[in-house]
């Protein structure tokens, strides 16, 4: 089993894409997996789901389960598979169910405010 820890992310976190604020949460979770950078998972209710479009893409993590992906739709562009969630995560990481994470990039910013 990979060394995975999940804790409440301190403070308020936002995610933005293409100038639009997709979400802001004081209830985000921080998932740390081994030596990888920590990933912030936002509660789905704190995300403007109108910006997200579910895709057919999926991936499998032996520790977390099967991930579903979303593209982010902004006024100017579509960011393919830029967000993901585990709809039915494995028991050890069950806390991330109902949460969405985003790939930080030139166009997507995840930050504590």
Protein backbone atom coordinates (compact mmCIF):
# COMPACT_ATOMS: atom_id res chain seq x y z
CA UNK A 1 0.00 0.00 0.00
CA UNK A 2 1.33 3.41 -0.93
CA UNK A 3 1.82 5.87 1.88
CA UNK A 4 -1.30 8.00 1.48
CA UNK A 5 -2.45 10.55 4.02
CA UNK A 6 -5.59 12.68 3.79
CA UNK A 7 -6.18 15.68 5.99
CA UNK A 8 -8.28 18.81 5.95
CA UNK A 9 -6.52 21.47 3.90
CA UNK A 10 -5.96 24.49 6.12
CA UNK A 11 -7.61 27.76 5.14
CA UNK A 12 -9.59 28.67 2.04
CA UNK A 13 -8.69 27.17 -1.34
CA UNK A 14 -9.73 28.33 -4.79
CA UNK A 15 -9.51 26.85 -8.26
CA UNK A 16 -9.57 29.11 -11.33
CA UNK A 17 -9.40 28.49 -15.05
CA UNK A 18 -9.36 30.97 -17.89
CA UNK A 19 -10.13 33.83 -15.51
CA UNK A 20 -13.21 32.13 -14.08
CA UNK A 21 -13.41 31.01 -10.45
CA UNK A 22 -14.55 27.38 -10.57
CA UNK A 23 -14.70 26.95 -6.83
CA UNK A 24 -13.76 28.15 -3.39
CA UNK A 25 -13.77 25.97 -0.31
CA UNK A 26 -12.91 25.98 3.35
CA UNK A 27 -13.56 22.23 3.41
CA UNK A 28 -10.97 21.04 0.90
CA UNK A 29 -8.91 17.94 1.59
CA UNK A 30 -5.19 17.54 1.05
CA UNK A 31 -4.07 14.12 -0.18
CA UNK A 32 -0.39 13.29 0.09
CA UNK A 33 0.76 10.17 -1.76
CA UNK A 34 4.37 9.16 -1.18
CA UNK A 35 6.82 11.67 -2.65
CA UNK A 36 4.26 13.19 -5.09
CA UNK A 37 3.16 16.81 -4.60
CA UNK A 38 0.08 17.11 -2.39
CA UNK A 39 -3.23 17.22 -4.27
CA UNK A 40 -6.15 19.38 -3.14
CA UNK A 41 -9.58 17.76 -3.43
CA UNK A 42 -12.54 20.15 -3.45
CA UNK A 43 -16.00 19.13 -2.21
CA UNK A 44 -18.24 18.86 -5.26
CA UNK A 45 -20.80 21.23 -3.70
CA UNK A 46 -18.12 23.98 -3.64
CA UNK A 47 -17.41 23.66 -7.39
CA UNK A 48 -19.39 25.39 -10.14
CA UNK A 49 -20.20 22.14 -11.94
CA UNK A 50 -21.58 24.07 -14.94
CA UNK A 51 -17.93 24.60 -15.96
CA UNK A 52 -17.22 20.87 -15.91
CA UNK A 53 -18.16 18.33 -18.54
CA UNK A 54 -17.73 14.62 -17.78
CA UNK A 55 -15.57 12.80 -20.33
CA UNK A 56 -15.16 9.15 -21.28
CA UNK A 57 -11.59 9.15 -19.97
CA UNK A 58 -10.78 7.07 -16.91
CA UNK A 59 -7.71 5.78 -15.12
CA UNK A 60 -7.01 3.26 -12.41
CA UNK A 61 -4.92 3.75 -9.30
CA UNK A 62 -4.16 0.55 -7.36
CA UNK A 63 -4.42 2.54 -4.11
CA UNK A 64 -7.35 4.87 -4.75
CA UNK A 65 -9.50 3.08 -7.35
CA UNK A 66 -10.95 4.20 -10.68
CA UNK A 67 -10.90 7.90 -11.55
CA UNK A 68 -13.46 9.67 -13.72
CA UNK A 69 -12.42 12.79 -15.61
CA UNK A 70 -13.93 16.15 -16.49
CA UNK A 71 -13.02 18.78 -19.04
CA UNK A 72 -13.22 22.41 -17.96
CA UNK A 73 -15.28 24.57 -20.30
CA UNK A 74 -14.39 28.28 -20.22
CA UNK A 75 -15.51 31.06 -22.53
CA UNK A 76 -12.30 30.85 -24.53
CA UNK A 77 -11.33 27.18 -24.42
CA UNK A 78 -11.97 23.61 -23.37
CA UNK A 79 -9.35 22.06 -21.11
CA UNK A 80 -9.57 18.34 -21.78
CA UNK A 81 -9.56 15.99 -18.77
CA UNK A 82 -8.29 18.77 -16.49
CA UNK A 83 -10.13 17.51 -13.39
CA UNK A 84 -10.85 14.13 -11.88
CA UNK A 85 -12.71 12.41 -9.09
CA UNK A 86 -12.99 8.98 -7.56
CA UNK A 87 -16.70 8.15 -7.56
CA UNK A 88 -16.19 4.94 -5.57
CA UNK A 89 -12.76 5.21 -3.97
CA UNK A 90 -11.14 2.36 -2.06
CA UNK A 91 -11.95 2.17 1.63
CA UNK A 92 -8.60 3.59 2.78
CA UNK A 93 -9.25 6.83 0.88
CA UNK A 94 -13.04 6.95 1.24
CA UNK A 95 -12.86 10.58 2.44
CA UNK A 96 -12.21 11.80 -1.14
CA UNK A 97 -15.56 10.49 -2.38
CA UNK A 98 -17.66 13.42 -3.60
CA UNK A 99 -14.54 15.54 -4.17
CA UNK A 100 -12.87 16.79 -7.35
CA UNK A 101 -9.18 17.51 -7.96
CA UNK A 102 -7.64 19.63 -10.71
CA UNK A 103 -4.39 19.47 -12.64
CA UNK A 104 -2.57 22.78 -12.05
CA UNK A 105 -1.26 24.19 -15.34
CA UNK A 106 -0.70 27.43 -17.21
CA UNK A 107 -4.47 27.81 -17.38
CA UNK A 108 -5.63 26.16 -14.13
CA UNK A 109 -4.63 27.61 -10.75
CA UNK A 110 -5.22 25.85 -7.42
CA UNK A 111 -4.18 28.02 -4.50
CA UNK A 112 -4.75 28.88 -0.89
CA UNK A 113 -6.11 32.41 -0.50
